[in-house]
PDB file of N, CA and C in Angstrom:
ATOM      1  N   UNK A   1     -24.693  63.076  32.576  1.00  0.00           N
ATOM      2  CA  UNK A   1     -23.657  63.838  31.092  1.00  0.00           C
ATOM      3  C   UNK A   1     -23.380  65.139  31.495  1.00  0.00           C
ATOM      4  N   UNK A   2     -23.939  65.932  32.354  1.00  0.00           N
ATOM      5  CA  UNK A   2     -23.354  67.308  32.339  1.00  0.00           C
ATOM      6  C   UNK A   2     -21.807  67.037  33.380  1.00  0.00           C
ATOM      7  N   UNK A   3     -21.658  66.100  34.113  1.00  0.00           N
ATOM      8  CA  UNK A   3     -20.215  65.780  34.635  1.00  0.00           C
ATOM      9  C   UNK A   3     -19.390  65.494  33.626  1.00  0.00           C
ATOM     10  N   UNK A   4     -19.827  64.466  32.546  1.00  0.00           N
ATOM     11  CA  UNK A   4     -18.828  64.309  31.448  1.00  0.00           C
ATOM     12  C   UNK A   4     -18.529  65.392  30.647  1.00  0.00           C
ATOM     13  N   UNK A   5     -19.334  66.355  30.398  1.00  0.00           N
ATOM     14  CA  UNK A   5     -19.058  67.939  29.721  1.00  0.00           C
ATOM     15  C   UNK A   5     -18.223  68.609  30.560  1.00  0.00           C
ATOM     16  N   UNK A   6     -18.730  68.702  31.954  1.00  0.00           N
ATOM     17  CA  UNK A   6     -17.637  69.425  32.766  1.00  0.00           C
ATOM     18  C   UNK A   6     -16.195  68.816  32.592  1.00  0.00           C
ATOM     19  N   UNK A   7     -16.139  67.647  33.023  1.00  0.00           N
ATOM     20  CA  UNK A   7     -14.807  66.923  32.606  1.00  0.00           C
ATOM     21  C   UNK A   7     -14.077  67.116  31.614  1.00  0.00           C
ATOM     22  N   UNK A   8     -14.555  67.178  30.415  1.00  0.00           N
ATOM     23  CA  UNK A   8     -13.962  67.433  29.093  1.00  0.00           C
ATOM     24  C   UNK A   8     -13.662  68.894  29.021  1.00  0.00           C
ATOM     25  N   UNK A   9     -14.643  69.516  29.801  1.00  0.00           N
ATOM     26  CA  UNK A   9     -14.380  71.452  29.254  1.00  0.00           C
ATOM     27  C   UNK A   9     -13.058  71.470  30.123  1.00  0.00           C
ATOM     28  N   UNK A  10     -12.796  71.137  31.239  1.00  0.00           N
ATOM     29  CA  UNK A  10     -11.554  71.291  32.085  1.00  0.00           C
ATOM     30  C   UNK A  10     -10.388  70.561  31.016  1.00  0.00           C
ATOM     31  N   UNK A  11     -10.588  69.458  30.899  1.00  0.00           N
ATOM     32  CA  UNK A  11      -9.337  68.928  30.147  1.00  0.00           C
ATOM     33  C   UNK A  11      -8.996  69.728  28.824  1.00  0.00           C
ATOM     34  N   UNK A  12     -10.072  70.097  28.140  1.00  0.00           N
ATOM     35  CA  UNK A  12      -9.817  71.064  26.950  1.00  0.00           C
ATOM     36  C   UNK A  12      -8.929  72.196  27.752  1.00  0.00           C
ATOM     37  N   UNK A  13      -9.538  73.186  28.523  1.00  0.00           N
ATOM     38  CA  UNK A  13      -9.025  74.106  29.383  1.00  0.00           C
ATOM     39  C   UNK A  13      -7.717  74.059  29.626  1.00  0.00           C
ATOM     40  N   UNK A  14      -7.352  72.841  29.948  1.00  0.00           N
ATOM     41  CA  UNK A  14      -5.769  72.331  30.563  1.00  0.00           C
ATOM     42  C   UNK A  14      -5.258  72.433  29.202  1.00  0.00           C
ATOM     43  N   UNK A  15      -5.522  71.482  28.480  1.00  0.00           N
ATOM     44  CA  UNK A  15      -4.572  71.303  27.152  1.00  0.00           C
ATOM     45  C   UNK A  15      -4.231  73.062  26.286  1.00  0.00           C
ATOM     46  N   UNK A  16      -5.100  73.817  26.288  1.00  0.00           N
ATOM     47  CA  UNK A  16      -4.793  75.046  25.580  1.00  0.00           C
ATOM     48  C   UNK A  16      -4.675  76.090  26.659  1.00  0.00           C
ATOM     49  N   UNK A  17      -4.698  75.695  27.823  1.00  0.00           N
ATOM     50  CA  UNK A  17      -4.713  77.098  28.682  1.00  0.00           C
ATOM     51  C   UNK A  17      -2.991  77.231  29.049  1.00  0.00           C
ATOM     52  N   UNK A  18      -3.025  77.593  30.425  1.00  0.00           N
ATOM     53  CA  UNK A  18      -1.811  77.939  30.922  1.00  0.00           C
ATOM     54  C   UNK A  18      -0.633  76.853  30.697  1.00  0.00           C
ATOM     55  N   UNK A  19      -0.693  75.492  30.535  1.00  0.00           N
ATOM     56  CA  UNK A  19       0.276  74.564  30.416  1.00  0.00           C
ATOM     57  C   UNK A  19       1.035  74.750  28.844  1.00  0.00           C
ATOM     58  N   UNK A  20       0.327  75.132  27.880  1.00  0.00           N
ATOM     59  CA  UNK A  20       0.764  75.526  26.897  1.00  0.00           C
ATOM     60  C   UNK A  20       1.806  76.803  26.939  1.00  0.00           C
ATOM     61  N   UNK A  21       1.018  77.883  27.802  1.00  0.00           N
ATOM     62  CA  UNK A  21       2.029  78.843  27.946  1.00  0.00           C
ATOM     63  C   UNK A  21       3.183  78.847  28.501  1.00  0.00           C
ATOM     64  N   UNK A  22       3.110  78.003  29.482  1.00  0.00           N
ATOM     65  CA  UNK A  22       4.312  77.169  30.355  1.00  0.00           C
ATOM     66  C   UNK A  22       5.209  76.507  29.790  1.00  0.00           C
ATOM     67  N   UNK A  23       4.878  75.307  29.051  1.00  0.00           N
ATOM     68  CA  UNK A  23       5.545  74.277  28.503  1.00  0.00           C
ATOM     69  C   UNK A  23       5.526  74.408  26.925  1.00  0.00           C
ATOM     70  N   UNK A  24       5.225  75.269  26.405  1.00  0.00           N
ATOM     71  CA  UNK A  24       5.023  75.146  25.043  1.00  0.00           C
ATOM     72  C   UNK A  24       4.077  74.359  24.497  1.00  0.00           C
ATOM     73  N   UNK A  25       4.484  74.181  22.935  1.00  0.00           N
ATOM     74  CA  UNK A  25       3.491  73.437  22.082  1.00  0.00           C
ATOM     75  C   UNK A  25       3.198  71.850  22.809  1.00  0.00           C
ATOM     76  N   UNK A  26       2.446  71.262  22.836  1.00  0.00           N
ATOM     77  CA  UNK A  26       1.895  70.084  23.413  1.00  0.00           C
ATOM     78  C   UNK A  26       2.579  69.067  22.385  1.00  0.00           C
ATOM     79  N   UNK A  27       2.395  69.023  21.220  1.00  0.00           N
ATOM     80  CA  UNK A  27       3.010  68.117  20.354  1.00  0.00           C
ATOM     81  C   UNK A  27       4.447  68.287  20.372  1.00  0.00           C
ATOM     82  N   UNK A  28       4.971  69.456  20.393  1.00  0.00           N
ATOM     83  CA  UNK A  28       6.666  69.566  20.352  1.00  0.00           C
ATOM     84  C   UNK A  28       7.188  69.109  21.592  1.00  0.00           C
ATOM     85  N   UNK A  29       6.693  69.189  22.415  1.00  0.00           N
ATOM     86  CA  UNK A  29       6.722  69.029  23.994  1.00  0.00           C
ATOM     87  C   UNK A  29       6.710  67.359  23.983  1.00  0.00           C
ATOM     88  N   UNK A  30       5.882  66.758  23.484  1.00  0.00           N
ATOM     89  CA  UNK A  30       5.758  65.432  23.300  1.00  0.00           C
ATOM     90  C   UNK A  30       6.657  64.426  22.713  1.00  0.00           C
ATOM     91  N   UNK A  31       7.079  65.199  21.492  1.00  0.00           N
ATOM     92  CA  UNK A  31       8.557  64.542  20.771  1.00  0.00           C
ATOM     93  C   UNK A  31       9.529  64.951  21.610  1.00  0.00           C
ATOM     94  N   UNK A  32       9.631  65.974  22.368  1.00  0.00           N
ATOM     95  CA  UNK A  32      11.323  66.056  23.214  1.00  0.00           C
ATOM     96  C   UNK A  32      11.126  64.931  24.262  1.00  0.00           C
ATOM     97  N   UNK A  33      10.144  64.972  24.828  1.00  0.00           N
ATOM     98  CA  UNK A  33       9.736  63.462  25.602  1.00  0.00           C
ATOM     99  C   UNK A  33      10.213  62.242  25.175  1.00  0.00           C
ATOM    100  N   UNK A  34       9.772  61.866  23.851  1.00  0.00           N
ATOM    101  CA  UNK A  34       9.890  60.592  23.240  1.00  0.00           C
ATOM    102  C   UNK A  34      11.382  60.725  22.879  1.00  0.00           C
ATOM    103  N   UNK A  35      12.011  61.809  22.634  1.00  0.00           N
ATOM    104  CA  UNK A  35      13.586  61.455  22.004  1.00  0.00           C
ATOM    105  C   UNK A  35      14.469  61.040  23.332  1.00  0.00           C
ATOM    106  N   UNK A  36      13.752  61.812  24.552  1.00  0.00           N
ATOM    107  CA  UNK A  36      14.368  61.493  25.548  1.00  0.00           C
ATOM    108  C   UNK A  36      14.218  60.169  26.269  1.00  0.00           C
ATOM    109  N   UNK A  37      13.169  59.727  26.290  1.00  0.00           N
ATOM    110  CA  UNK A  37      12.764  58.552  26.763  1.00  0.00           C
ATOM    111  C   UNK A  37      13.211  57.144  25.340  1.00  0.00           C
ATOM    112  N   UNK A  38      13.495  57.808  24.342  1.00  0.00           N
ATOM    113  CA  UNK A  38      14.394  56.534  23.285  1.00  0.00           C
ATOM    114  C   UNK A  38      15.558  56.643  23.737  1.00  0.00           C
ATOM    115  N   UNK A  39      16.241  57.380  24.019  1.00  0.00           N
ATOM    116  CA  UNK A  39      17.588  57.673  24.577  1.00  0.00           C
ATOM    117  C   UNK A  39      18.228  56.891  25.883  1.00  0.00           C
ATOM    118  N   UNK A  40      17.293  57.045  26.543  1.00  0.00           N
ATOM    119  CA  UNK A  40      17.171  56.535  28.114  1.00  0.00           C
ATOM    120  C   UNK A  40      16.574  54.501  27.779  1.00  0.00           C
ATOM    121  N   UNK A  41      15.826  54.295  27.031  1.00  0.00           N
ATOM    122  CA  UNK A  41      15.498  53.099  26.932  1.00  0.00           C
ATOM    123  C   UNK A  41      16.081  52.206  25.714  1.00  0.00           C
ATOM    124  N   UNK A  42      16.772  52.784  24.575  1.00  0.00           N
ATOM    125  CA  UNK A  42      17.608  52.519  23.913  1.00  0.00           C
ATOM    126  C   UNK A  42      16.541  52.029  22.914  1.00  0.00           C
ATOM    127  N   UNK A  43      15.350  52.239  22.717  1.00  0.00           N
ATOM    128  CA  UNK A  43      14.272  51.993  21.655  1.00  0.00           C
ATOM    129  C   UNK A  43      13.562  52.890  21.314  1.00  0.00           C
ATOM    130  N   UNK A  44      13.127  53.357  20.239  1.00  0.00           N
ATOM    131  CA  UNK A  44      12.455  54.407  19.487  1.00  0.00           C
ATOM    132  C   UNK A  44      10.900  54.521  20.186  1.00  0.00           C
ATOM    133  N   UNK A  45      10.767  55.452  20.859  1.00  0.00           N
ATOM    134  CA  UNK A  45       9.761  56.116  21.261  1.00  0.00           C
ATOM    135  C   UNK A  45       9.167  57.135  20.416  1.00  0.00           C
ATOM    136  N   UNK A  46       7.676  57.230  20.297  1.00  0.00           N
ATOM    137  CA  UNK A  46       7.198  58.419  19.211  1.00  0.00           C
ATOM    138  C   UNK A  46       6.571  58.983  20.577  1.00  0.00           C
ATOM    139  N   UNK A  47       6.043  60.402  19.919  1.00  0.00           N
ATOM    140  CA  UNK A  47       5.480  61.458  20.698  1.00  0.00           C
ATOM    141  C   UNK A  47       3.846  60.789  20.971  1.00  0.00           C
ATOM    142  N   UNK A  48       3.279  60.215  20.025  1.00  0.00           N
ATOM    143  CA  UNK A  48       2.134  59.386  20.131  1.00  0.00           C
ATOM    144  C   UNK A  48       2.091  58.167  21.171  1.00  0.00           C
ATOM    145  N   UNK A  49       3.058  57.653  21.300  1.00  0.00           N
ATOM    146  CA  UNK A  49       3.256  56.619  22.576  1.00  0.00           C
ATOM    147  C   UNK A  49       3.586  57.436  24.017  1.00  0.00           C
ATOM    148  N   UNK A  50       4.038  58.475  23.885  1.00  0.00           N
ATOM    149  CA  UNK A  50       4.296  59.385  25.203  1.00  0.00           C
ATOM    150  C   UNK A  50       3.017  59.678  25.528  1.00  0.00           C
ATOM    151  N   UNK A  51       2.239  60.035  24.866  1.00  0.00           N
ATOM    152  CA  UNK A  51       0.725  60.502  24.855  1.00  0.00           C
ATOM    153  C   UNK A  51      -0.047  59.178  25.535  1.00  0.00           C
ATOM    154  N   UNK A  52       0.011  58.167  25.142  1.00  0.00           N
ATOM    155  CA  UNK A  52      -0.376  57.085  25.210  1.00  0.00           C
ATOM    156  C   UNK A  52      -0.272  56.288  26.562  1.00  0.00           C
ATOM    157  N   UNK A  53       1.178  56.307  26.599  1.00  0.00           N
ATOM    158  CA  UNK A  53       1.619  56.027  27.883  1.00  0.00           C
ATOM    159  C   UNK A  53       1.272  56.758  29.331  1.00  0.00           C
ATOM    160  N   UNK A  54       1.238  57.971  29.135  1.00  0.00           N
ATOM    161  CA  UNK A  54       1.105  58.986  30.006  1.00  0.00           C
ATOM    162  C   UNK A  54      -0.805  58.803  30.414  1.00  0.00           C
ATOM    163  N   UNK A  55      -1.464  58.436  29.376  1.00  0.00           N
ATOM    164  CA  UNK A  55      -2.698  58.056  29.792  1.00  0.00           C
ATOM    165  C   UNK A  55      -2.862  56.879  30.355  1.00  0.00           C
ATOM    166  N   UNK A  56      -2.013  56.019  30.075  1.00  0.00           N
ATOM    167  CA  UNK A  56      -2.077  54.261  30.889  1.00  0.00           C
ATOM    168  C   UNK A  56      -1.385  54.681  32.387  1.00  0.00           C
ATOM    169  N   UNK A  57      -0.741  55.598  32.809  1.00  0.00           N
ATOM    170  CA  UNK A  57       0.058  55.826  33.691  1.00  0.00           C
ATOM    171  C   UNK A  57      -1.322  56.708  34.793  1.00  0.00           C
ATOM    172  N   UNK A  58      -2.106  57.435  34.102  1.00  0.00           N
ATOM    173  CA  UNK A  58      -3.428  57.776  35.018  1.00  0.00           C
ATOM    174  C   UNK A  58      -4.570  56.582  34.810  1.00  0.00           C
ATOM    175  N   UNK A  59      -4.498  55.847  34.282  1.00  0.00           N
ATOM    176  CA  UNK A  59      -5.449  54.663  34.128  1.00  0.00           C
ATOM    177  C   UNK A  59      -4.772  53.843  35.417  1.00  0.00           C
ATOM    178  N   UNK A  60      -3.620  53.628  35.548  1.00  0.00           N
ATOM    179  CA  UNK A  60      -3.028  52.785  36.875  1.00  0.00           C
ATOM    180  C   UNK A  60      -3.272  53.644  37.989  1.00  0.00           C
ATOM    181  N   UNK A  61      -3.116  54.876  38.136  1.00  0.00           N
ATOM    182  CA  UNK A  61      -3.594  55.285  39.262  1.00  0.00           C
ATOM    183  C   UNK A  61      -5.037  55.318  39.957  1.00  0.00           C
ATOM    184  N   UNK A  62      -5.847  55.004  38.607  1.00  0.00           N
ATOM    185  CA  UNK A  62      -7.275  54.516  39.476  1.00  0.00           C
ATOM    186  C   UNK A  62      -7.579  53.583  40.023  1.00  0.00           C
ATOM    187  N   UNK A  63      -6.209  52.639  40.158  1.00  0.00           N
ATOM    188  CA  UNK A  63      -6.586  51.318  40.747  1.00  0.00           C
ATOM    189  C   UNK A  63      -6.163  51.084  42.106  1.00  0.00           C
ATOM    190  N   UNK A  64      -5.277  52.103  42.592  1.00  0.00           N
ATOM    191  CA  UNK A  64      -4.753  52.468  44.100  1.00  0.00           C
ATOM    192  C   UNK A  64      -5.227  53.741  44.830  1.00  0.00           C
ATOM    193  N   UNK A  65      -5.130  53.734  45.617  1.00  0.00           N
ATOM    194  CA  UNK A  65      -5.371  55.320  46.525  1.00  0.00           C
ATOM    195  C   UNK A  65      -6.393  55.856  46.277  1.00  0.00           C
ATOM    196  N   UNK A  66      -6.358  57.097  46.706  1.00  0.00           N
ATOM    197  CA  UNK A  66      -7.495  58.022  46.320  1.00  0.00           C
ATOM    198  C   UNK A  66      -7.350  58.549  45.054  1.00  0.00           C
ATOM    199  N   UNK A  67      -8.629  58.436  44.439  1.00  0.00           N
ATOM    200  CA  UNK A  67      -8.890  58.684  43.127  1.00  0.00           C
ATOM    201  C   UNK A  67      -9.415  60.338  42.778  1.00  0.00           C
ATOM    202  N   UNK A  68      -8.420  61.223  42.290  1.00  0.00           N
ATOM    203  CA  UNK A  68      -9.277  62.615  42.283  1.00  0.00           C
ATOM    204  C   UNK A  68      -9.936  62.472  40.980  1.00  0.00           C
ATOM    205  N   UNK A  69     -10.372  64.035  40.775  1.00  0.00           N
ATOM    206  CA  UNK A  69     -11.375  64.037  39.447  1.00  0.00           C
ATOM    207  C   UNK A  69     -10.288  64.612  38.301  1.00  0.00           C
ATOM    208  N   UNK A  70      -9.111  65.225  39.289  1.00  0.00           N
ATOM    209  CA  UNK A  70      -7.923  65.508  37.975  1.00  0.00           C
ATOM    210  C   UNK A  70      -7.469  64.302  37.409  1.00  0.00           C
ATOM    211  N   UNK A  71      -7.535  62.809  37.757  1.00  0.00           N
ATOM    212  CA  UNK A  71      -6.966  62.166  37.179  1.00  0.00           C
ATOM    213  C   UNK A  71      -7.911  61.742  35.908  1.00  0.00           C
ATOM    214  N   UNK A  72      -9.063  61.713  35.817  1.00  0.00           N
ATOM    215  CA  UNK A  72      -9.744  61.700  34.579  1.00  0.00           C
ATOM    216  C   UNK A  72      -9.645  62.919  33.916  1.00  0.00           C
ATOM    217  N   UNK A  73      -9.603  64.030  34.400  1.00  0.00           N
ATOM    218  CA  UNK A  73      -9.224  65.100  33.205  1.00  0.00           C
ATOM    219  C   UNK A  73      -8.137  64.833  33.020  1.00  0.00           C
ATOM    220  N   UNK A  74      -7.194  64.460  33.513  1.00  0.00           N
ATOM    221  CA  UNK A  74      -5.683  64.376  32.678  1.00  0.00           C
ATOM    222  C   UNK A  74      -5.520  63.290  31.777  1.00  0.00           C
ATOM    223  N   UNK A  75      -6.328  62.060  32.103  1.00  0.00           N
ATOM    224  CA  UNK A  75      -6.820  60.744  31.148  1.00  0.00           C
ATOM    225  C   UNK A  75      -7.395  61.338  29.540  1.00  0.00           C
ATOM    226  N   UNK A  76      -8.490  62.240  29.856  1.00  0.00           N
ATOM    227  CA  UNK A  76      -9.008  62.851  28.688  1.00  0.00           C
ATOM    228  C   UNK A  76      -7.966  63.637  28.088  1.00  0.00           C
ATOM    229  N   UNK A  77      -7.191  64.550  28.619  1.00  0.00           N
ATOM    230  CA  UNK A  77      -6.518  65.552  27.679  1.00  0.00           C
ATOM    231  C   UNK A  77      -5.412  64.641  27.235  1.00  0.00           C
ATOM    232  N   UNK A  78      -4.617  63.655  27.713  1.00  0.00           N
ATOM    233  CA  UNK A  78      -3.781  63.042  27.171  1.00  0.00           C
ATOM    234  C   UNK A  78      -4.210  61.952  26.090  1.00  0.00           C
ATOM    235  N   UNK A  79      -5.454  61.672  26.328  1.00  0.00           N
ATOM    236  CA  UNK A  79      -6.183  61.057  25.148  1.00  0.00           C
ATOM    237  C   UNK A  79      -6.431  61.860  24.088  1.00  0.00           C
ATOM    238  N   UNK A  80      -6.518  62.904  24.242  1.00  0.00           N
ATOM    239  CA  UNK A  80      -7.177  64.189  23.291  1.00  0.00           C
ATOM    240  C   UNK A  80      -5.554  64.483  22.147  1.00  0.00           C
ATOM    241  N   UNK A  81      -4.612  64.554  23.255  1.00  0.00           N
ATOM    242  CA  UNK A  81      -3.186  64.875  22.752  1.00  0.00           C
ATOM    243  C   UNK A  81      -2.889  63.993  21.824  1.00  0.00           C
ATOM    244  N   UNK A  82      -2.968  62.449  22.305  1.00  0.00           N
ATOM    245  CA  UNK A  82      -2.414  61.461  21.538  1.00  0.00           C
ATOM    246  C   UNK A  82      -3.317  61.294  20.048  1.00  0.00           C
ATOM    247  N   UNK A  83      -4.389  61.695  20.131  1.00  0.00           N
ATOM    248  CA  UNK A  83      -5.340  61.757  18.888  1.00  0.00           C
ATOM    249  C   UNK A  83      -4.462  62.466  18.004  1.00  0.00           C
ATOM    250  N   UNK A  84      -4.571  63.955  18.513  1.00  0.00           N
ATOM    251  CA  UNK A  84      -4.035  65.376  17.837  1.00  0.00           C
ATOM    252  C   UNK A  84      -2.868  64.783  17.082  1.00  0.00           C
ATOM    253  N   UNK A  85      -1.668  64.387  17.818  1.00  0.00           N
ATOM    254  CA  UNK A  85      -0.339  63.903  17.266  1.00  0.00           C
ATOM    255  C   UNK A  85      -0.576  62.973  16.306  1.00  0.00           C
ATOM    256  N   UNK A  86      -1.670  61.829  16.840  1.00  0.00           N
ATOM    257  CA  UNK A  86      -1.665  60.761  15.364  1.00  0.00           C
ATOM    258  C   UNK A  86      -1.952  61.091  14.255  1.00  0.00           C
ATOM    259  N   UNK A  87      -3.108  62.163  14.085  1.00  0.00           N
ATOM    260  CA  UNK A  87      -3.278  62.645  12.822  1.00  0.00           C
ATOM    261  C   UNK A  87      -2.606  63.775  12.368  1.00  0.00           C
ATOM    262  N   UNK A  88      -1.609  64.246  12.856  1.00  0.00           N
ATOM    263  CA  UNK A  88      -0.583  64.906  12.323  1.00  0.00           C
ATOM    264  C   UNK A  88       0.530  64.222  11.994  1.00  0.00           C
ATOM    265  N   UNK A  89       0.868  63.162  12.328  1.00  0.00           N
ATOM    266  CA  UNK A  89       1.848  62.317  12.012  1.00  0.00           C
ATOM    267  C   UNK A  89       1.665  61.736  10.669  1.00  0.00           C
ATOM    268  N   UNK A  90       2.731  62.142   9.555  1.00  0.00           N
ATOM    269  CA  UNK A  90       2.788  61.102   8.242  1.00  0.00           C
ATOM    270  C   UNK A  90       2.381  59.885   8.503  1.00  0.00           C
ATOM    271  N   UNK A  91       1.363  59.640   7.739  1.00  0.00           N
ATOM    272  CA  UNK A  91       1.107  57.992   7.485  1.00  0.00           C
ATOM    273  C   UNK A  91       2.233  57.252   7.161  1.00  0.00           C
ATOM    274  N   UNK A  92       2.429  56.240   7.975  1.00  0.00           N
ATOM    275  CA  UNK A  92       3.583  55.054   7.842  1.00  0.00           C
ATOM    276  C   UNK A  92       3.112  54.219   6.785  1.00  0.00           C
ATOM    277  N   UNK A  93       4.152  54.071   5.810  1.00  0.00           N
ATOM    278  CA  UNK A  93       3.913  53.290   4.265  1.00  0.00           C
ATOM    279  C   UNK A  93       4.031  51.814   4.825  1.00  0.00           C
ATOM    280  N   UNK A  94       3.214  51.039   4.491  1.00  0.00           N
ATOM    281  CA  UNK A  94       3.429  49.330   4.789  1.00  0.00           C
ATOM    282  C   UNK A  94       4.049  49.060   3.831  1.00  0.00           C
ATOM    283  N   UNK A  95       4.812  47.731   4.099  1.00  0.00           N
ATOM    284  CA  UNK A  95       5.394  46.882   3.308  1.00  0.00           C
ATOM    285  C   UNK A  95       4.833  46.991   1.892  1.00  0.00           C
ATOM    286  N   UNK A  96       3.633  46.611   1.702  1.00  0.00           N
ATOM    287  CA  UNK A  96       2.575  46.247   0.377  1.00  0.00           C
ATOM    288  C   UNK A  96       2.867  47.457  -0.231  1.00  0.00           C
ATOM    289  N   UNK A  97       2.667  48.875   0.513  1.00  0.00           N
ATOM    290  CA  UNK A  97       2.710  50.032  -0.097  1.00  0.00           C
ATOM    291  C   UNK A  97       3.632  50.582  -0.739  1.00  0.00           C
ATOM    292  N   UNK A  98       4.802  49.980   0.087  1.00  0.00           N
ATOM    293  CA  UNK A  98       6.469  50.726  -0.715  1.00  0.00           C
ATOM    294  C   UNK A  98       6.827  49.545  -1.653  1.00  0.00           C
ATOM    295  N   UNK A  99       6.415  48.251  -1.659  1.00  0.00           N
ATOM    296  CA  UNK A  99       6.527  47.683  -2.910  1.00  0.00           C
ATOM    297  C   UNK A  99       5.673  48.191  -3.839  1.00  0.00           C
ATOM    298  N   UNK A 100       4.441  48.418  -4.063  1.00  0.00           N
ATOM    299  CA  UNK A 100       3.773  48.938  -4.867  1.00  0.00           C
ATOM    300  C   UNK A 100       4.121  50.291  -5.605  1.00  0.00           C
ATOM    301  N   UNK A 101       4.801  51.060  -4.416  1.00  0.00           N
ATOM    302  CA  UNK A 101       5.194  52.245  -4.818  1.00  0.00           C
ATOM    303  C   UNK A 101       6.526  52.435  -5.807  1.00  0.00           C
ATOM    304  N   UNK A 102       7.337  51.119  -5.295  1.00  0.00           N
ATOM    305  CA  UNK A 102       8.518  50.994  -6.114  1.00  0.00           C
ATOM    306  C   UNK A 102       8.603  50.312  -7.528  1.00  0.00           C
ATOM    307  N   UNK A 103       7.498  49.655  -7.584  1.00  0.00           N
ATOM    308  CA  UNK A 103       7.064  48.812  -8.404  1.00  0.00           C
ATOM    309  C   UNK A 103       6.599  49.855  -9.773  1.00  0.00           C
ATOM    310  N   UNK A 104       5.538  50.825  -9.596  1.00  0.00           N
ATOM    311  CA  UNK A 104       4.968  51.900  -9.897  1.00  0.00           C
ATOM    312  C   UNK A 104       6.294  52.539 -10.705  1.00  0.00           C
ATOM    313  N   UNK A 105       6.926  52.921  -9.732  1.00  0.00           N
ATOM    314  CA  UNK A 105       7.949  53.985 -10.268  1.00  0.00           C
ATOM    315  C   UNK A 105       9.072  53.246 -11.256  1.00  0.00           C
ATOM    316  N   UNK A 106       9.427  51.885 -11.071  1.00  0.00           N
ATOM    317  CA  UNK A 106      10.034  51.332 -11.948  1.00  0.00           C
ATOM    318  C   UNK A 106       9.445  51.193 -13.370  1.00  0.00           C
ATOM    319  N   UNK A 107       8.010  50.726 -13.226  1.00  0.00           N
ATOM    320  CA  UNK A 107       7.305  50.767 -14.536  1.00  0.00           C
ATOM    321  C   UNK A 107       7.308  51.837 -15.674  1.00  0.00           C
ATOM    322  N   UNK A 108       7.291  53.482 -14.401  1.00  0.00           N
ATOM    323  CA  UNK A 108       7.401  54.788 -15.212  1.00  0.00           C
ATOM    324  C   UNK A 108       8.589  54.640 -15.950  1.00  0.00           C
ATOM    325  N   UNK A 109       9.621  54.300 -15.164  1.00  0.00           N
ATOM    326  CA  UNK A 109      10.858  54.625 -15.864  1.00  0.00           C
ATOM    327  C   UNK A 109      11.259  53.840 -16.967  1.00  0.00           C
ATOM    328  N   UNK A 110      10.708  52.432 -16.843  1.00  0.00           N
ATOM    329  CA  UNK A 110      10.915  51.690 -18.028  1.00  0.00           C
ATOM    330  C   UNK A 110      10.100  52.062 -19.302  1.00  0.00           C
ATOM    331  N   UNK A 111       8.984  52.602 -18.994  1.00  0.00           N
ATOM    332  CA  UNK A 111       7.924  53.017 -20.180  1.00  0.00           C
ATOM    333  C   UNK A 111       8.623  54.597 -20.803  1.00  0.00           C
ATOM    334  N   UNK A 112       9.282  55.222 -19.963  1.00  0.00           N
ATOM    335  CA  UNK A 112      10.089  56.360 -20.804  1.00  0.00           C
ATOM    336  C   UNK A 112      11.152  55.740 -21.340  1.00  0.00           C
ATOM    337  N   UNK A 113      11.842  54.543 -20.886  1.00  0.00           N
ATOM    338  CA  UNK A 113      13.063  54.174 -21.831  1.00  0.00           C
ATOM    339  C   UNK A 113      12.544  53.780 -23.098  1.00  0.00           C
ATOM    340  N   UNK A 114      11.635  53.075 -22.924  1.00  0.00           N
ATOM    341  CA  UNK A 114      10.392  52.637 -24.356  1.00  0.00           C
ATOM    342  C   UNK A 114      10.596  53.595 -25.069  1.00  0.00           C
ATOM    343  N   UNK A 115       9.881  54.451 -24.684  1.00  0.00           N
ATOM    344  CA  UNK A 115       9.461  55.672 -25.568  1.00  0.00           C
ATOM    345  C   UNK A 115      10.503  56.289 -26.274  1.00  0.00           C
ATOM    346  N   UNK A 116      11.774  56.507 -25.638  1.00  0.00           N
ATOM    347  CA  UNK A 116      12.481  57.016 -25.935  1.00  0.00           C
ATOM    348  C   UNK A 116      13.323  56.188 -27.422  1.00  0.00           C
ATOM    349  N   UNK A 117      13.248  55.058 -26.796  1.00  0.00           N
ATOM    350  CA  UNK A 117      13.730  54.172 -28.060  1.00  0.00           C
ATOM    351  C   UNK A 117      13.011  54.147 -29.132  1.00  0.00           C
ATOM    352  N   UNK A 118      11.719  54.213 -29.230  1.00  0.00           N
ATOM    353  CA  UNK A 118      10.770  54.121 -30.596  1.00  0.00           C
ATOM    354  C   UNK A 118      11.413  54.996 -31.662  1.00  0.00           C
TER     355      UNK A 118
END
């Protein structure tokens, strides 16, 4: 348990420390990366995707070669960044929610018209 705590503390220091001073806000940075990757790949990539993909890159590195403690620290950091981004993003509306919202708006407008005509 002590090792887990130390790894997470190092990941936290990494996220909030010098990297933020050097590269700016982590969410904004991942948004910039997402835009560049989207342009390069010709498909939409979001900031959350970037953080998840960077985590997967670190996971892939555990399969080959010498694995360092930093790999696991980076995985924890990218996972935490992904979580921060996910819960800062506006919730995407499902098709059912969109239709429900549109129906409600229609009913409200219809009821206003009825009241005007009374």
